[in-house]
Amino acid sequence: MSAVEVVARFDLHGKVYPQVFVWQGQTYPIDSVGRRWQEETEEHILVMDRTGKVFELIFSRLEGLWRLKTIPGSSDPA
């Protein structure tokens, strides 16, 4: 997993909505947010960029850090 910079907004209930992420110097605007789930202290969020590529972003609330995980079968460089 790679650490990434993410611009996100939080609603009044604390739900996070990633808007853009930066990975290896490239900016990926997020077009849509899909399925999300919790694993221990991390929130996993599937997102799609404007080109249709799917990424899994993982947010650790305890650390305040975002990570990018490889999607099996994806052509993405993550």
C-alpha atoms as a PDB file:
ATOM      1  CA  MET A   1       0.000   0.000   0.000  1.00  0.00           C
ATOM      2  CA  SER A   2       1.129   3.492  -0.805  1.00  0.00           C
ATOM      3  CA  ALA A   3       0.532   6.579   1.311  1.00  0.00           C
ATOM      4  CA  VAL A   4      -1.375   9.270  -0.595  1.00  0.00           C
ATOM      5  CA  GLU A   5      -2.502  12.832  -0.102  1.00  0.00           C
ATOM      6  CA  VAL A   6      -6.313  13.177  -0.171  1.00  0.00           C
ATOM      7  CA  VAL A   7      -8.602  16.182  -0.222  1.00  0.00           C
ATOM      8  CA  ALA A   8     -11.865  15.175   1.461  1.00  0.00           C
ATOM      9  CA  ARG A   9     -14.901  16.682   3.098  1.00  0.00           C
ATOM     10  CA  PHE A  10     -16.703  15.466   6.193  1.00  0.00           C
ATOM     11  CA  ASP A  11     -20.448  15.792   6.713  1.00  0.00           C
ATOM     12  CA  LEU A  12     -22.066  16.780  10.014  1.00  0.00           C
ATOM     13  CA  HIS A  13     -22.051  13.126  11.145  1.00  0.00           C
ATOM     14  CA  GLY A  14     -18.351  12.589  10.417  1.00  0.00           C
ATOM     15  CA  LYS A  15     -18.814  10.614   7.201  1.00  0.00           C
ATOM     16  CA  VAL A  16     -15.852  11.242   4.910  1.00  0.00           C
ATOM     17  CA  TYR A  17     -16.153  11.991   1.183  1.00  0.00           C
ATOM     18  CA  PRO A  18     -12.854  11.939  -0.739  1.00  0.00           C
ATOM     19  CA  GLN A  19     -12.755  14.510  -3.561  1.00  0.00           C
ATOM     20  CA  VAL A  20      -9.238  14.257  -5.020  1.00  0.00           C
ATOM     21  CA  PHE A  21      -6.101  12.237  -4.305  1.00  0.00           C
ATOM     22  CA  VAL A  22      -2.475  12.716  -5.316  1.00  0.00           C
ATOM     23  CA  TRP A  23      -0.298   9.682  -5.961  1.00  0.00           C
ATOM     24  CA  GLN A  24       3.266   9.798  -7.294  1.00  0.00           C
ATOM     25  CA  GLY A  25       2.855  13.438  -8.296  1.00  0.00           C
ATOM     26  CA  GLN A  26      -0.309  12.856 -10.335  1.00  0.00           C
ATOM     27  CA  THR A  27      -3.685  14.291  -9.290  1.00  0.00           C
ATOM     28  CA  TYR A  28      -6.757  12.051  -9.564  1.00  0.00           C
ATOM     29  CA  PRO A  29     -10.096  13.897  -9.295  1.00  0.00           C
ATOM     30  CA  ILE A  30     -12.761  11.553  -7.891  1.00  0.00           C
ATOM     31  CA  ASP A  31     -15.901  11.309  -9.996  1.00  0.00           C
ATOM     32  CA  SER A  32     -17.860   8.940  -7.753  1.00  0.00           C
ATOM     33  CA  VAL A  33     -17.658   7.187  -4.401  1.00  0.00           C
ATOM     34  CA  GLY A  34     -18.832   3.589  -4.263  1.00  0.00           C
ATOM     35  CA  ARG A  35     -18.915   0.901  -1.623  1.00  0.00           C
ATOM     36  CA  ARG A  36     -17.329   1.538   1.767  1.00  0.00           C
ATOM     37  CA  TRP A  37     -16.638  -0.724   4.731  1.00  0.00           C
ATOM     38  CA  GLN A  38     -14.832  -0.774   8.076  1.00  0.00           C
ATOM     39  CA  GLU A  39     -11.953  -3.078   8.981  1.00  0.00           C
ATOM     40  CA  GLU A  40     -10.756  -2.556  12.539  1.00  0.00           C
ATOM     41  CA  THR A  41      -9.809   1.151  12.725  1.00  0.00           C
ATOM     42  CA  GLU A  42      -9.688   1.770   8.971  1.00  0.00           C
ATOM     43  CA  GLU A  43     -12.386   2.855   6.548  1.00  0.00           C
ATOM     44  CA  HIS A  44     -12.078   1.395   3.032  1.00  0.00           C
ATOM     45  CA  ILE A  45     -13.676   3.410   0.230  1.00  0.00           C
ATOM     46  CA  LEU A  46     -13.919   2.458  -3.444  1.00  0.00           C
ATOM     47  CA  VAL A  47     -13.682   5.502  -5.701  1.00  0.00           C
ATOM     48  CA  MET A  48     -13.744   6.072  -9.451  1.00  0.00           C
ATOM     49  CA  ASP A  49     -11.794   8.774 -11.215  1.00  0.00           C
ATOM     50  CA  ARG A  50     -13.004  10.700 -14.264  1.00  0.00           C
ATOM     51  CA  THR A  51     -11.491   8.141 -16.649  1.00  0.00           C
ATOM     52  CA  GLY A  52     -13.419   5.254 -15.066  1.00  0.00           C
ATOM     53  CA  LYS A  53     -10.486   3.743 -13.145  1.00  0.00           C
ATOM     54  CA  VAL A  54     -11.382   2.285  -9.745  1.00  0.00           C
ATOM     55  CA  PHE A  55      -9.188   2.760  -6.675  1.00  0.00           C
ATOM     56  CA  GLU A  56      -9.444   1.642  -3.060  1.00  0.00           C
ATOM     57  CA  LEU A  57      -8.628   4.394  -0.595  1.00  0.00           C
ATOM     58  CA  ILE A  58      -8.089   3.459   3.041  1.00  0.00           C
ATOM     59  CA  PHE A  59      -8.481   6.085   5.752  1.00  0.00           C
ATOM     60  CA  SER A  60      -7.052   5.528   9.222  1.00  0.00           C
ATOM     61  CA  ARG A  61      -8.852   7.894  11.581  1.00  0.00           C
ATOM     62  CA  LEU A  62      -6.412   7.086  14.401  1.00  0.00           C
ATOM     63  CA  GLU A  63      -3.393   8.120  12.319  1.00  0.00           C
ATOM     64  CA  GLY A  64      -5.163  10.659  10.138  1.00  0.00           C
ATOM     65  CA  LEU A  65      -3.525   8.993   7.120  1.00  0.00           C
ATOM     66  CA  TRP A  66      -4.745   7.798   3.731  1.00  0.00           C
ATOM     67  CA  ARG A  67      -3.386   4.829   1.796  1.00  0.00           C
ATOM     68  CA  LEU A  68      -4.008   3.511  -1.705  1.00  0.00           C
ATOM     69  CA  LYS A  69      -4.451  -0.232  -2.187  1.00  0.00           C
ATOM     70  CA  THR A  70      -4.089  -2.179  -5.423  1.00  0.00           C
ATOM     71  CA  ILE A  71      -7.362  -3.360  -6.962  1.00  0.00           C
ATOM     72  CA  PRO A  72      -7.036  -6.999  -8.153  1.00  0.00           C
ATOM     73  CA  GLY A  73      -7.576  -7.219 -11.908  1.00  0.00           C
ATOM     74  CA  SER A  74      -7.246  -3.466 -12.315  1.00  0.00           C
ATOM     75  CA  SER A  75      -4.908  -1.914 -14.847  1.00  0.00           C
ATOM     76  CA  ASP A  76      -4.118   0.887 -12.412  1.00  0.00           C
ATOM     77  CA  PRO A  77      -0.491   1.382 -11.332  1.00  0.00           C
ATOM     78  CA  ALA A  78      -1.415   1.368  -7.640  1.00  0.00           C
END
